[in-house]
mmCIF file of all heavy atoms, coordinates in Angstrom:
data_MODEL
# 
_entry.id   MODEL 
# 
loop_
_atom_site.group_PDB 
_atom_site.id 
_atom_site.type_symbol 
_atom_site.label_atom_id 
_atom_site.label_alt_id 
_atom_site.label_comp_id 
_atom_site.label_asym_id 
_atom_site.label_entity_id 
_atom_site.label_seq_id 
_atom_site.pdbx_PDB_ins_code 
_atom_site.Cartn_x 
_atom_site.Cartn_y 
_atom_site.Cartn_z 
_atom_site.occupancy 
_atom_site.B_iso_or_equiv 
_atom_site.pdbx_formal_charge 
_atom_site.auth_seq_id 
_atom_site.auth_comp_id 
_atom_site.auth_asym_id 
_atom_site.auth_atom_id 
_atom_site.pdbx_PDB_model_num 
ATOM 1   N N   . ASP A 1 1  ? 102.873 76.610 52.938 1.00 0.00 ? 1  ASP A N   1 
ATOM 2   C CA  . ASP A 1 1  ? 102.455 76.439 51.612 1.00 0.00 ? 1  ASP A CA  1 
ATOM 3   C C   . ASP A 1 1  ? 103.466 75.875 50.603 1.00 0.00 ? 1  ASP A C   1 
ATOM 4   O O   . ASP A 1 1  ? 103.415 75.138 49.673 1.00 0.00 ? 1  ASP A O   1 
ATOM 5   C CB  . ASP A 1 1  ? 101.951 77.849 50.960 1.00 0.00 ? 1  ASP A CB  1 
ATOM 6   C CG  . ASP A 1 1  ? 100.646 78.319 51.839 1.00 0.00 ? 1  ASP A CG  1 
ATOM 7   O OD1 . ASP A 1 1  ? 100.061 77.374 52.454 1.00 0.00 ? 1  ASP A OD1 1 
ATOM 8   O OD2 . ASP A 1 1  ? 100.470 79.544 51.806 1.00 0.00 ? 1  ASP A OD2 1 
ATOM 9   N N   . ARG A 1 2  ? 104.770 76.429 50.867 1.00 0.00 ? 2  ARG A N   1 
ATOM 10  C CA  . ARG A 1 2  ? 105.896 76.033 50.014 1.00 0.00 ? 2  ARG A CA  1 
ATOM 11  C C   . ARG A 1 2  ? 106.380 74.763 50.346 1.00 0.00 ? 2  ARG A C   1 
ATOM 12  O O   . ARG A 1 2  ? 107.405 74.160 49.609 1.00 0.00 ? 2  ARG A O   1 
ATOM 13  C CB  . ARG A 1 2  ? 107.041 77.121 50.083 1.00 0.00 ? 2  ARG A CB  1 
ATOM 14  C CG  . ARG A 1 2  ? 106.612 78.496 49.708 1.00 0.00 ? 2  ARG A CG  1 
ATOM 15  C CD  . ARG A 1 2  ? 107.675 79.582 49.927 1.00 0.00 ? 2  ARG A CD  1 
ATOM 16  N NE  . ARG A 1 2  ? 108.432 79.516 51.171 1.00 0.00 ? 2  ARG A NE  1 
ATOM 17  C CZ  . ARG A 1 2  ? 107.990 80.264 52.179 1.00 0.00 ? 2  ARG A CZ  1 
ATOM 18  N NH1 . ARG A 1 2  ? 106.913 80.914 52.082 1.00 0.00 ? 2  ARG A NH1 1 
ATOM 19  N NH2 . ARG A 1 2  ? 108.569 80.222 53.346 1.00 0.00 ? 2  ARG A NH2 1 
ATOM 20  N N   . GLY A 1 3  ? 105.841 74.048 51.387 1.00 0.00 ? 3  GLY A N   1 
ATOM 21  C CA  . GLY A 1 3  ? 106.265 72.759 51.744 1.00 0.00 ? 3  GLY A CA  1 
ATOM 22  C C   . GLY A 1 3  ? 107.668 72.682 52.385 1.00 0.00 ? 3  GLY A C   1 
ATOM 23  O O   . GLY A 1 3  ? 108.110 71.569 52.756 1.00 0.00 ? 3  GLY A O   1 
ATOM 24  N N   . ASP A 1 4  ? 108.266 73.728 52.842 1.00 0.00 ? 4  ASP A N   1 
ATOM 25  C CA  . ASP A 1 4  ? 109.510 73.751 53.627 1.00 0.00 ? 4  ASP A CA  1 
ATOM 26  C C   . ASP A 1 4  ? 109.301 73.971 55.144 1.00 0.00 ? 4  ASP A C   1 
ATOM 27  O O   . ASP A 1 4  ? 109.469 75.020 55.590 1.00 0.00 ? 4  ASP A O   1 
ATOM 28  C CB  . ASP A 1 4  ? 110.504 74.816 52.923 1.00 0.00 ? 4  ASP A CB  1 
ATOM 29  C CG  . ASP A 1 4  ? 109.907 76.268 52.973 1.00 0.00 ? 4  ASP A CG  1 
ATOM 30  O OD1 . ASP A 1 4  ? 108.707 76.365 53.243 1.00 0.00 ? 4  ASP A OD1 1 
ATOM 31  O OD2 . ASP A 1 4  ? 110.708 77.181 52.861 1.00 0.00 ? 4  ASP A OD2 1 
ATOM 32  N N   . GLY A 1 5  ? 108.893 72.910 55.642 1.00 0.00 ? 5  GLY A N   1 
ATOM 33  C CA  . GLY A 1 5  ? 108.665 73.020 57.149 1.00 0.00 ? 5  GLY A CA  1 
ATOM 34  C C   . GLY A 1 5  ? 107.317 73.437 57.527 1.00 0.00 ? 5  GLY A C   1 
ATOM 35  O O   . GLY A 1 5  ? 106.450 73.315 56.800 1.00 0.00 ? 5  GLY A O   1 
ATOM 36  N N   . TYR A 1 6  ? 107.258 74.016 58.827 1.00 0.00 ? 6  TYR A N   1 
ATOM 37  C CA  . TYR A 1 6  ? 105.835 74.182 59.297 1.00 0.00 ? 6  TYR A CA  1 
ATOM 38  C C   . TYR A 1 6  ? 105.976 75.517 60.151 1.00 0.00 ? 6  TYR A C   1 
ATOM 39  O O   . TYR A 1 6  ? 106.913 76.003 60.492 1.00 0.00 ? 6  TYR A O   1 
ATOM 40  C CB  . TYR A 1 6  ? 105.260 73.087 60.060 1.00 0.00 ? 6  TYR A CB  1 
ATOM 41  C CG  . TYR A 1 6  ? 106.057 72.616 61.273 1.00 0.00 ? 6  TYR A CG  1 
ATOM 42  C CD1 . TYR A 1 6  ? 105.689 73.121 62.567 1.00 0.00 ? 6  TYR A CD1 1 
ATOM 43  C CD2 . TYR A 1 6  ? 107.164 71.784 61.243 1.00 0.00 ? 6  TYR A CD2 1 
ATOM 44  C CE1 . TYR A 1 6  ? 106.407 72.808 63.629 1.00 0.00 ? 6  TYR A CE1 1 
ATOM 45  C CE2 . TYR A 1 6  ? 107.813 71.372 62.334 1.00 0.00 ? 6  TYR A CE2 1 
ATOM 46  C CZ  . TYR A 1 6  ? 107.415 71.872 63.573 1.00 0.00 ? 6  TYR A CZ  1 
ATOM 47  O OH  . TYR A 1 6  ? 108.245 71.470 64.667 1.00 0.00 ? 6  TYR A OH  1 
ATOM 48  N N   . TYR A 1 7  ? 104.711 75.996 60.598 1.00 0.00 ? 7  TYR A N   1 
ATOM 49  C CA  . TYR A 1 7  ? 104.527 77.094 61.407 1.00 0.00 ? 7  TYR A CA  1 
ATOM 50  C C   . TYR A 1 7  ? 103.646 76.728 62.521 1.00 0.00 ? 7  TYR A C   1 
ATOM 51  O O   . TYR A 1 7  ? 103.147 75.477 62.440 1.00 0.00 ? 7  TYR A O   1 
ATOM 52  C CB  . TYR A 1 7  ? 104.090 78.390 60.678 1.00 0.00 ? 7  TYR A CB  1 
ATOM 53  C CG  . TYR A 1 7  ? 102.734 78.292 59.942 1.00 0.00 ? 7  TYR A CG  1 
ATOM 54  C CD1 . TYR A 1 7  ? 101.536 78.638 60.499 1.00 0.00 ? 7  TYR A CD1 1 
ATOM 55  C CD2 . TYR A 1 7  ? 102.669 77.696 58.592 1.00 0.00 ? 7  TYR A CD2 1 
ATOM 56  C CE1 . TYR A 1 7  ? 100.360 78.624 59.947 1.00 0.00 ? 7  TYR A CE1 1 
ATOM 57  C CE2 . TYR A 1 7  ? 101.496 77.501 58.004 1.00 0.00 ? 7  TYR A CE2 1 
ATOM 58  C CZ  . TYR A 1 7  ? 100.285 77.999 58.676 1.00 0.00 ? 7  TYR A CZ  1 
ATOM 59  O OH  . TYR A 1 7  ? 99.022  77.838 58.002 1.00 0.00 ? 7  TYR A OH  1 
ATOM 60  N N   . MET A 1 8  ? 103.411 77.559 63.434 1.00 0.00 ? 8  MET A N   1 
ATOM 61  C CA  . MET A 1 8  ? 102.449 77.202 64.534 1.00 0.00 ? 8  MET A CA  1 
ATOM 62  C C   . MET A 1 8  ? 101.112 77.935 64.328 1.00 0.00 ? 8  MET A C   1 
ATOM 63  O O   . MET A 1 8  ? 101.111 79.201 63.915 1.00 0.00 ? 8  MET A O   1 
ATOM 64  C CB  . MET A 1 8  ? 102.959 77.544 65.987 1.00 0.00 ? 8  MET A CB  1 
ATOM 65  C CG  . MET A 1 8  ? 104.078 76.656 66.210 1.00 0.00 ? 8  MET A CG  1 
ATOM 66  S SD  . MET A 1 8  ? 103.898 74.861 66.281 1.00 0.00 ? 8  MET A SD  1 
ATOM 67  C CE  . MET A 1 8  ? 103.122 74.656 67.969 1.00 0.00 ? 8  MET A CE  1 
ATOM 68  N N   . ALA A 1 9  ? 99.933  77.152 64.461 1.00 0.00 ? 9  ALA A N   1 
ATOM 69  C CA  . ALA A 1 9  ? 98.764  77.918 64.070 1.00 0.00 ? 9  ALA A CA  1 
ATOM 70  C C   . ALA A 1 9  ? 97.675  77.423 65.053 1.00 0.00 ? 9  ALA A C   1 
ATOM 71  O O   . ALA A 1 9  ? 97.675  76.469 65.700 1.00 0.00 ? 9  ALA A O   1 
ATOM 72  C CB  . ALA A 1 9  ? 98.329  77.542 62.800 1.00 0.00 ? 9  ALA A CB  1 
ATOM 73  N N   . VAL A 1 10 ? 96.537  78.284 65.040 1.00 0.00 ? 10 VAL A N   1 
ATOM 74  C CA  . VAL A 1 10 ? 95.347  77.965 65.778 1.00 0.00 ? 10 VAL A CA  1 
ATOM 75  C C   . VAL A 1 10 ? 94.211  78.291 64.873 1.00 0.00 ? 10 VAL A C   1 
ATOM 76  O O   . VAL A 1 10 ? 93.945  79.282 64.462 1.00 0.00 ? 10 VAL A O   1 
ATOM 77  C CB  . VAL A 1 10 ? 95.057  78.955 67.004 1.00 0.00 ? 10 VAL A CB  1 
ATOM 78  C CG1 . VAL A 1 10 ? 93.727  78.689 67.681 1.00 0.00 ? 10 VAL A CG1 1 
ATOM 79  C CG2 . VAL A 1 10 ? 96.196  78.780 68.101 1.00 0.00 ? 10 VAL A CG2 1 
ATOM 80  N N   . PRO A 1 11 ? 93.630  77.157 64.370 1.00 0.00 ? 11 PRO A N   1 
ATOM 81  C CA  . PRO A 1 11 ? 92.479  77.307 63.540 1.00 0.00 ? 11 PRO A CA  1 
ATOM 82  C C   . PRO A 1 11 ? 91.299  77.867 64.111 1.00 0.00 ? 11 PRO A C   1 
ATOM 83  O O   . PRO A 1 11 ? 91.131  77.796 65.371 1.00 0.00 ? 11 PRO A O   1 
ATOM 84  C CB  . PRO A 1 11 ? 92.088  75.799 63.129 1.00 0.00 ? 11 PRO A CB  1 
ATOM 85  C CG  . PRO A 1 11 ? 93.250  74.915 63.691 1.00 0.00 ? 11 PRO A CG  1 
ATOM 86  C CD  . PRO A 1 11 ? 93.883  75.699 64.631 1.00 0.00 ? 11 PRO A CD  1 
ATOM 87  N N   . ALA A 1 12 ? 90.474  78.617 63.378 1.00 0.00 ? 12 ALA A N   1 
ATOM 88  C CA  . ALA A 1 12 ? 89.443  79.579 63.929 1.00 0.00 ? 12 ALA A CA  1 
ATOM 89  C C   . ALA A 1 12 ? 88.389  78.718 64.697 1.00 0.00 ? 12 ALA A C   1 
ATOM 90  O O   . ALA A 1 12 ? 87.679  79.200 65.452 1.00 0.00 ? 12 ALA A O   1 
ATOM 91  C CB  . ALA A 1 12 ? 88.719  80.286 62.790 1.00 0.00 ? 12 ALA A CB  1 
ATOM 92  N N   . PHE A 1 13 ? 88.150  77.460 64.320 1.00 0.00 ? 13 PHE A N   1 
ATOM 93  C CA  . PHE A 1 13 ? 87.099  76.581 64.812 1.00 0.00 ? 13 PHE A CA  1 
ATOM 94  C C   . PHE A 1 13 ? 87.351  75.986 66.205 1.00 0.00 ? 13 PHE A C   1 
ATOM 95  O O   . PHE A 1 13 ? 86.618  75.310 66.773 1.00 0.00 ? 13 PHE A O   1 
ATOM 96  C CB  . PHE A 1 13 ? 86.663  75.595 63.878 1.00 0.00 ? 13 PHE A CB  1 
ATOM 97  C CG  . PHE A 1 13 ? 87.777  74.691 63.266 1.00 0.00 ? 13 PHE A CG  1 
ATOM 98  C CD1 . PHE A 1 13 ? 88.119  73.683 64.029 1.00 0.00 ? 13 PHE A CD1 1 
ATOM 99  C CD2 . PHE A 1 13 ? 88.298  74.856 62.105 1.00 0.00 ? 13 PHE A CD2 1 
ATOM 100 C CE1 . PHE A 1 13 ? 89.216  72.797 63.648 1.00 0.00 ? 13 PHE A CE1 1 
ATOM 101 C CE2 . PHE A 1 13 ? 89.371  74.083 61.684 1.00 0.00 ? 13 PHE A CE2 1 
ATOM 102 C CZ  . PHE A 1 13 ? 89.749  73.076 62.494 1.00 0.00 ? 13 PHE A CZ  1 
ATOM 103 N N   . VAL A 1 14 ? 88.664  76.225 66.643 1.00 0.00 ? 14 VAL A N   1 
ATOM 104 C CA  . VAL A 1 14 ? 89.127  75.514 67.948 1.00 0.00 ? 14 VAL A CA  1 
ATOM 105 C C   . VAL A 1 14 ? 88.449  76.252 69.174 1.00 0.00 ? 14 VAL A C   1 
ATOM 106 O O   . VAL A 1 14 ? 88.585  77.407 69.176 1.00 0.00 ? 14 VAL A O   1 
ATOM 107 C CB  . VAL A 1 14 ? 90.663  75.526 68.023 1.00 0.00 ? 14 VAL A CB  1 
ATOM 108 C CG1 . VAL A 1 14 ? 91.171  75.100 69.342 1.00 0.00 ? 14 VAL A CG1 1 
ATOM 109 C CG2 . VAL A 1 14 ? 91.165  74.525 66.950 1.00 0.00 ? 14 VAL A CG2 1 
ATOM 110 N N   . GLY A 1 15 ? 87.936  75.625 70.168 1.00 0.00 ? 15 GLY A N   1 
ATOM 111 C CA  . GLY A 1 15 ? 87.414  76.258 71.376 1.00 0.00 ? 15 GLY A CA  1 
ATOM 112 C C   . GLY A 1 15 ? 86.271  77.034 71.124 1.00 0.00 ? 15 GLY A C   1 
ATOM 113 O O   . GLY A 1 15 ? 85.565  76.949 70.110 1.00 0.00 ? 15 GLY A O   1 
ATOM 114 N N   . HIS A 1 16 ? 85.954  77.889 72.079 1.00 0.00 ? 16 HIS A N   1 
ATOM 115 C CA  . HIS A 1 16 ? 84.766  78.854 72.066 1.00 0.00 ? 16 HIS A CA  1 
ATOM 116 C C   . HIS A 1 16 ? 85.334  80.209 72.094 1.00 0.00 ? 16 HIS A C   1 
ATOM 117 O O   . HIS A 1 16 ? 86.417  80.545 72.503 1.00 0.00 ? 16 HIS A O   1 
ATOM 118 C CB  . HIS A 1 16 ? 84.020  78.596 73.291 1.00 0.00 ? 16 HIS A CB  1 
ATOM 119 C CG  . HIS A 1 16 ? 83.454  77.189 73.501 1.00 0.00 ? 16 HIS A CG  1 
ATOM 120 N ND1 . HIS A 1 16 ? 82.509  76.630 72.637 1.00 0.00 ? 16 HIS A ND1 1 
ATOM 121 C CD2 . HIS A 1 16 ? 83.933  76.035 74.305 1.00 0.00 ? 16 HIS A CD2 1 
ATOM 122 C CE1 . HIS A 1 16 ? 82.402  75.335 73.000 1.00 0.00 ? 16 HIS A CE1 1 
ATOM 123 N NE2 . HIS A 1 16 ? 83.269  74.883 73.922 1.00 0.00 ? 16 HIS A NE2 1 
ATOM 124 N N   . LYS A 1 17 ? 84.347  81.217 71.777 1.00 0.00 ? 17 LYS A N   1 
ATOM 125 C CA  . LYS A 1 17 ? 84.728  82.658 71.793 1.00 0.00 ? 17 LYS A CA  1 
ATOM 126 C C   . LYS A 1 17 ? 85.459  83.107 73.097 1.00 0.00 ? 17 LYS A C   1 
ATOM 127 O O   . LYS A 1 17 ? 84.923  82.597 74.186 1.00 0.00 ? 17 LYS A O   1 
ATOM 128 C CB  . LYS A 1 17 ? 83.446  83.431 71.483 1.00 0.00 ? 17 LYS A CB  1 
ATOM 129 C CG  . LYS A 1 17 ? 83.668  84.805 71.298 1.00 0.00 ? 17 LYS A CG  1 
ATOM 130 C CD  . LYS A 1 17 ? 82.358  85.603 71.136 1.00 0.00 ? 17 LYS A CD  1 
ATOM 131 C CE  . LYS A 1 17 ? 82.413  87.035 70.938 1.00 0.00 ? 17 LYS A CE  1 
ATOM 132 N NZ  . LYS A 1 17 ? 83.488  87.720 71.673 1.00 0.00 ? 17 LYS A NZ  1 
ATOM 133 N N   . ASN A 1 18 ? 86.519  83.774 72.959 1.00 0.00 ? 18 ASN A N   1 
ATOM 134 C CA  . ASN A 1 18 ? 87.319  84.285 74.119 1.00 0.00 ? 18 ASN A CA  1 
ATOM 135 C C   . ASN A 1 18 ? 88.183  83.242 74.769 1.00 0.00 ? 18 ASN A C   1 
ATOM 136 O O   . ASN A 1 18 ? 88.793  83.500 75.690 1.00 0.00 ? 18 ASN A O   1 
ATOM 137 C CB  . ASN A 1 18 ? 86.353  84.935 75.082 1.00 0.00 ? 18 ASN A CB  1 
ATOM 138 C CG  . ASN A 1 18 ? 85.633  86.239 74.623 1.00 0.00 ? 18 ASN A CG  1 
ATOM 139 O OD1 . ASN A 1 18 ? 85.958  86.664 73.452 1.00 0.00 ? 18 ASN A OD1 1 
ATOM 140 N ND2 . ASN A 1 18 ? 84.582  86.674 75.218 1.00 0.00 ? 18 ASN A ND2 1 
ATOM 141 N N   . ASP A 1 19 ? 88.084  81.914 74.279 1.00 0.00 ? 19 ASP A N   1 
ATOM 142 C CA  . ASP A 1 19 ? 89.029  80.960 74.689 1.00 0.00 ? 19 ASP A CA  1 
ATOM 143 C C   . ASP A 1 19 ? 90.435  81.437 74.406 1.00 0.00 ? 19 ASP A C   1 
ATOM 144 O O   . ASP A 1 19 ? 90.719  82.159 73.389 1.00 0.00 ? 19 ASP A O   1 
ATOM 145 C CB  . ASP A 1 19 ? 88.793  79.606 74.159 1.00 0.00 ? 19 ASP A CB  1 
ATOM 146 C CG  . ASP A 1 19 ? 87.691  78.857 74.944 1.00 0.00 ? 19 ASP A CG  1 
ATOM 147 O OD1 . ASP A 1 19 ? 87.071  79.305 75.932 1.00 0.00 ? 19 ASP A OD1 1 
ATOM 148 O OD2 . ASP A 1 19 ? 87.526  77.669 74.474 1.00 0.00 ? 19 ASP A OD2 1 
ATOM 149 N N   . MET A 1 20 ? 91.522  80.952 75.175 1.00 0.00 ? 20 MET A N   1 
ATOM 150 C CA  . MET A 1 20 ? 92.900  81.487 74.950 1.00 0.00 ? 20 MET A CA  1 
ATOM 151 C C   . MET A 1 20 ? 93.803  80.276 74.841 1.00 0.00 ? 20 MET A C   1 
ATOM 152 O O   . MET A 1 20 ? 93.520  79.251 75.478 1.00 0.00 ? 20 MET A O   1 
ATOM 153 C CB  . MET A 1 20 ? 93.456  82.148 76.193 1.00 0.00 ? 20 MET A CB  1 
ATOM 154 C CG  . MET A 1 20 ? 92.665  83.295 76.686 1.00 0.00 ? 20 MET A CG  1 
ATOM 155 S SD  . MET A 1 20 ? 92.829  84.746 75.590 1.00 0.00 ? 20 MET A SD  1 
ATOM 156 C CE  . MET A 1 20 ? 92.014  85.991 76.547 1.00 0.00 ? 20 MET A CE  1 
ATOM 157 N N   . GLY A 1 21 ? 94.806  80.463 73.888 1.00 0.00 ? 21 GLY A N   1 
ATOM 158 C CA  . GLY A 1 21 ? 95.813  79.429 73.725 1.00 0.00 ? 21 GLY A CA  1 
ATOM 159 C C   . GLY A 1 21 ? 97.213  80.198 73.761 1.00 0.00 ? 21 GLY A C   1 
ATOM 160 O O   . GLY A 1 21 ? 97.373  81.239 73.109 1.00 0.00 ? 21 GLY A O   1 
ATOM 161 N N   . ARG A 1 22 ? 97.947  79.689 74.653 1.00 0.00 ? 22 ARG A N   1 
ATOM 162 C CA  . ARG A 1 22 ? 99.392  80.344 74.836 1.00 0.00 ? 22 ARG A CA  1 
ATOM 163 C C   . ARG A 1 22 ? 100.541 79.407 74.516 1.00 0.00 ? 22 ARG A C   1 
ATOM 164 O O   . ARG A 1 22 ? 100.645 78.357 74.963 1.00 0.00 ? 22 ARG A O   1 
ATOM 165 C CB  . ARG A 1 22 ? 99.468  80.831 76.265 1.00 0.00 ? 22 ARG A CB  1 
ATOM 166 C CG  . ARG A 1 22 ? 98.476  81.930 76.621 1.00 0.00 ? 22 ARG A CG  1 
ATOM 167 C CD  . ARG A 1 22 ? 98.705  82.392 78.051 1.00 0.00 ? 22 ARG A CD  1 
ATOM 168 N NE  . ARG A 1 22 ? 97.566  83.054 78.510 1.00 0.00 ? 22 ARG A NE  1 
ATOM 169 C CZ  . ARG A 1 22 ? 96.489  82.417 79.126 1.00 0.00 ? 22 ARG A CZ  1 
ATOM 170 N NH1 . ARG A 1 22 ? 96.691  81.117 79.404 1.00 0.00 ? 22 ARG A NH1 1 
ATOM 171 N NH2 . ARG A 1 22 ? 95.457  83.020 79.425 1.00 0.00 ? 22 ARG A NH2 1 
ATOM 172 N N   . LEU A 1 23 ? 101.346 79.975 73.794 1.00 0.00 ? 23 LEU A N   1 
ATOM 173 C CA  . LEU A 1 23 ? 102.672 79.334 73.373 1.00 0.00 ? 23 LEU A CA  1 
ATOM 174 C C   . LEU A 1 23 ? 103.801 80.157 73.889 1.00 0.00 ? 23 LEU A C   1 
ATOM 175 O O   . LEU A 1 23 ? 103.941 81.399 73.589 1.00 0.00 ? 23 LEU A O   1 
ATOM 176 C CB  . LEU A 1 23 ? 102.723 79.197 71.861 1.00 0.00 ? 23 LEU A CB  1 
ATOM 177 C CG  . LEU A 1 23 ? 103.855 78.383 71.270 1.00 0.00 ? 23 LEU A CG  1 
ATOM 178 C CD1 . LEU A 1 23 ? 103.717 76.809 71.717 1.00 0.00 ? 23 LEU A CD1 1 
ATOM 179 C CD2 . LEU A 1 23 ? 103.796 78.471 69.708 1.00 0.00 ? 23 LEU A CD2 1 
ATOM 180 N N   . LYS A 1 24 ? 104.650 79.551 74.720 1.00 0.00 ? 24 LYS A N   1 
ATOM 181 C CA  . LYS A 1 24 ? 105.602 80.365 75.496 1.00 0.00 ? 24 LYS A CA  1 
ATOM 182 C C   . LYS A 1 24 ? 107.007 79.997 74.972 1.00 0.00 ? 24 LYS A C   1 
ATOM 183 O O   . LYS A 1 24 ? 107.405 78.887 74.837 1.00 0.00 ? 24 LYS A O   1 
ATOM 184 C CB  . LYS A 1 24 ? 105.466 80.109 76.922 1.00 0.00 ? 24 LYS A CB  1 
ATOM 185 C CG  . LYS A 1 24 ? 106.429 80.860 77.750 1.00 0.00 ? 24 LYS A CG  1 
ATOM 186 C CD  . LYS A 1 24 ? 106.228 80.490 79.264 1.00 0.00 ? 24 LYS A CD  1 
ATOM 187 C CE  . LYS A 1 24 ? 105.137 81.118 79.902 1.00 0.00 ? 24 LYS A CE  1 
ATOM 188 N NZ  . LYS A 1 24 ? 104.961 81.133 81.297 1.00 0.00 ? 24 LYS A NZ  1 
ATOM 189 N N   . LEU A 1 25 ? 107.837 81.073 74.663 1.00 0.00 ? 25 LEU A N   1 
ATOM 190 C CA  . LEU A 1 25 ? 109.173 80.883 74.249 1.00 0.00 ? 25 LEU A CA  1 
ATOM 191 C C   . LEU A 1 25 ? 110.199 81.064 75.457 1.00 0.00 ? 25 LEU A C   1 
ATOM 192 O O   . LEU A 1 25 ? 110.122 82.309 76.011 1.00 0.00 ? 25 LEU A O   1 
ATOM 193 C CB  . LEU A 1 25 ? 109.499 81.851 73.194 1.00 0.00 ? 25 LEU A CB  1 
ATOM 194 C CG  . LEU A 1 25 ? 110.895 81.927 72.677 1.00 0.00 ? 25 LEU A CG  1 
ATOM 195 C CD1 . LEU A 1 25 ? 111.582 80.735 72.278 1.00 0.00 ? 25 LEU A CD1 1 
ATOM 196 C CD2 . LEU A 1 25 ? 111.144 83.037 71.673 1.00 0.00 ? 25 LEU A CD2 1 
ATOM 197 N N   . LEU A 1 26 ? 110.800 80.114 75.976 1.00 0.00 ? 26 LEU A N   1 
ATOM 198 C CA  . LEU A 1 26 ? 111.661 80.278 77.144 1.00 0.00 ? 26 LEU A CA  1 
ATOM 199 C C   . LEU A 1 26 ? 112.982 80.817 76.806 1.00 0.00 ? 26 LEU A C   1 
ATOM 200 O O   . LEU A 1 26 ? 113.575 80.360 75.703 1.00 0.00 ? 26 LEU A O   1 
ATOM 201 C CB  . LEU A 1 26 ? 111.870 79.008 77.807 1.00 0.00 ? 26 LEU A CB  1 
ATOM 202 C CG  . LEU A 1 26 ? 110.616 78.345 78.381 1.00 0.00 ? 26 LEU A CG  1 
ATOM 203 C CD1 . LEU A 1 26 ? 110.985 77.017 79.029 1.00 0.00 ? 26 LEU A CD1 1 
ATOM 204 C CD2 . LEU A 1 26 ? 109.705 79.197 79.251 1.00 0.00 ? 26 LEU A CD2 1 
ATOM 205 N N   . LEU A 1 27 ? 113.433 81.943 77.344 1.00 0.00 ? 27 LEU A N   1 
ATOM 206 C CA  . LEU A 1 27 ? 114.665 82.671 76.947 1.00 0.00 ? 27 LEU A CA  1 
ATOM 207 C C   . LEU A 1 27 ? 115.719 82.362 78.090 1.00 0.00 ? 27 LEU A C   1 
ATOM 208 O O   . LEU A 1 27 ? 115.374 82.593 79.128 1.00 0.00 ? 27 LEU A O   1 
ATOM 209 C CB  . LEU A 1 27 ? 114.439 84.166 76.761 1.00 0.00 ? 27 LEU A CB  1 
ATOM 210 C CG  . LEU A 1 27 ? 113.439 84.521 75.709 1.00 0.00 ? 27 LEU A CG  1 
ATOM 211 C CD1 . LEU A 1 27 ? 113.168 86.011 75.563 1.00 0.00 ? 27 LEU A CD1 1 
ATOM 212 C CD2 . LEU A 1 27 ? 113.852 84.134 74.308 1.00 0.00 ? 27 LEU A CD2 1 
ATOM 213 N N   . THR A 1 28 ? 116.857 81.995 77.594 1.00 0.00 ? 28 THR A N   1 
ATOM 214 C CA  . THR A 1 28 ? 118.003 81.795 78.629 1.00 0.00 ? 28 THR A CA  1 
ATOM 215 C C   . THR A 1 28 ? 119.028 82.645 78.039 1.00 0.00 ? 28 THR A C   1 
ATOM 216 O O   . THR A 1 28 ? 119.224 82.999 76.836 1.00 0.00 ? 28 THR A O   1 
ATOM 217 C CB  . THR A 1 28 ? 118.311 80.378 78.710 1.00 0.00 ? 28 THR A CB  1 
ATOM 218 O OG1 . THR A 1 28 ? 118.518 79.792 77.439 1.00 0.00 ? 28 THR A OG1 1 
ATOM 219 C CG2 . THR A 1 28 ? 117.254 79.547 79.425 1.00 0.00 ? 28 THR A CG2 1 
# 
């Protein structure tokens, strides 16, 4: 909202009920 960069999101209308989306952070 403030215009300083972005975040990661999944809009409610994407996919079907119970569908999954996974975003993985690799740690080293």
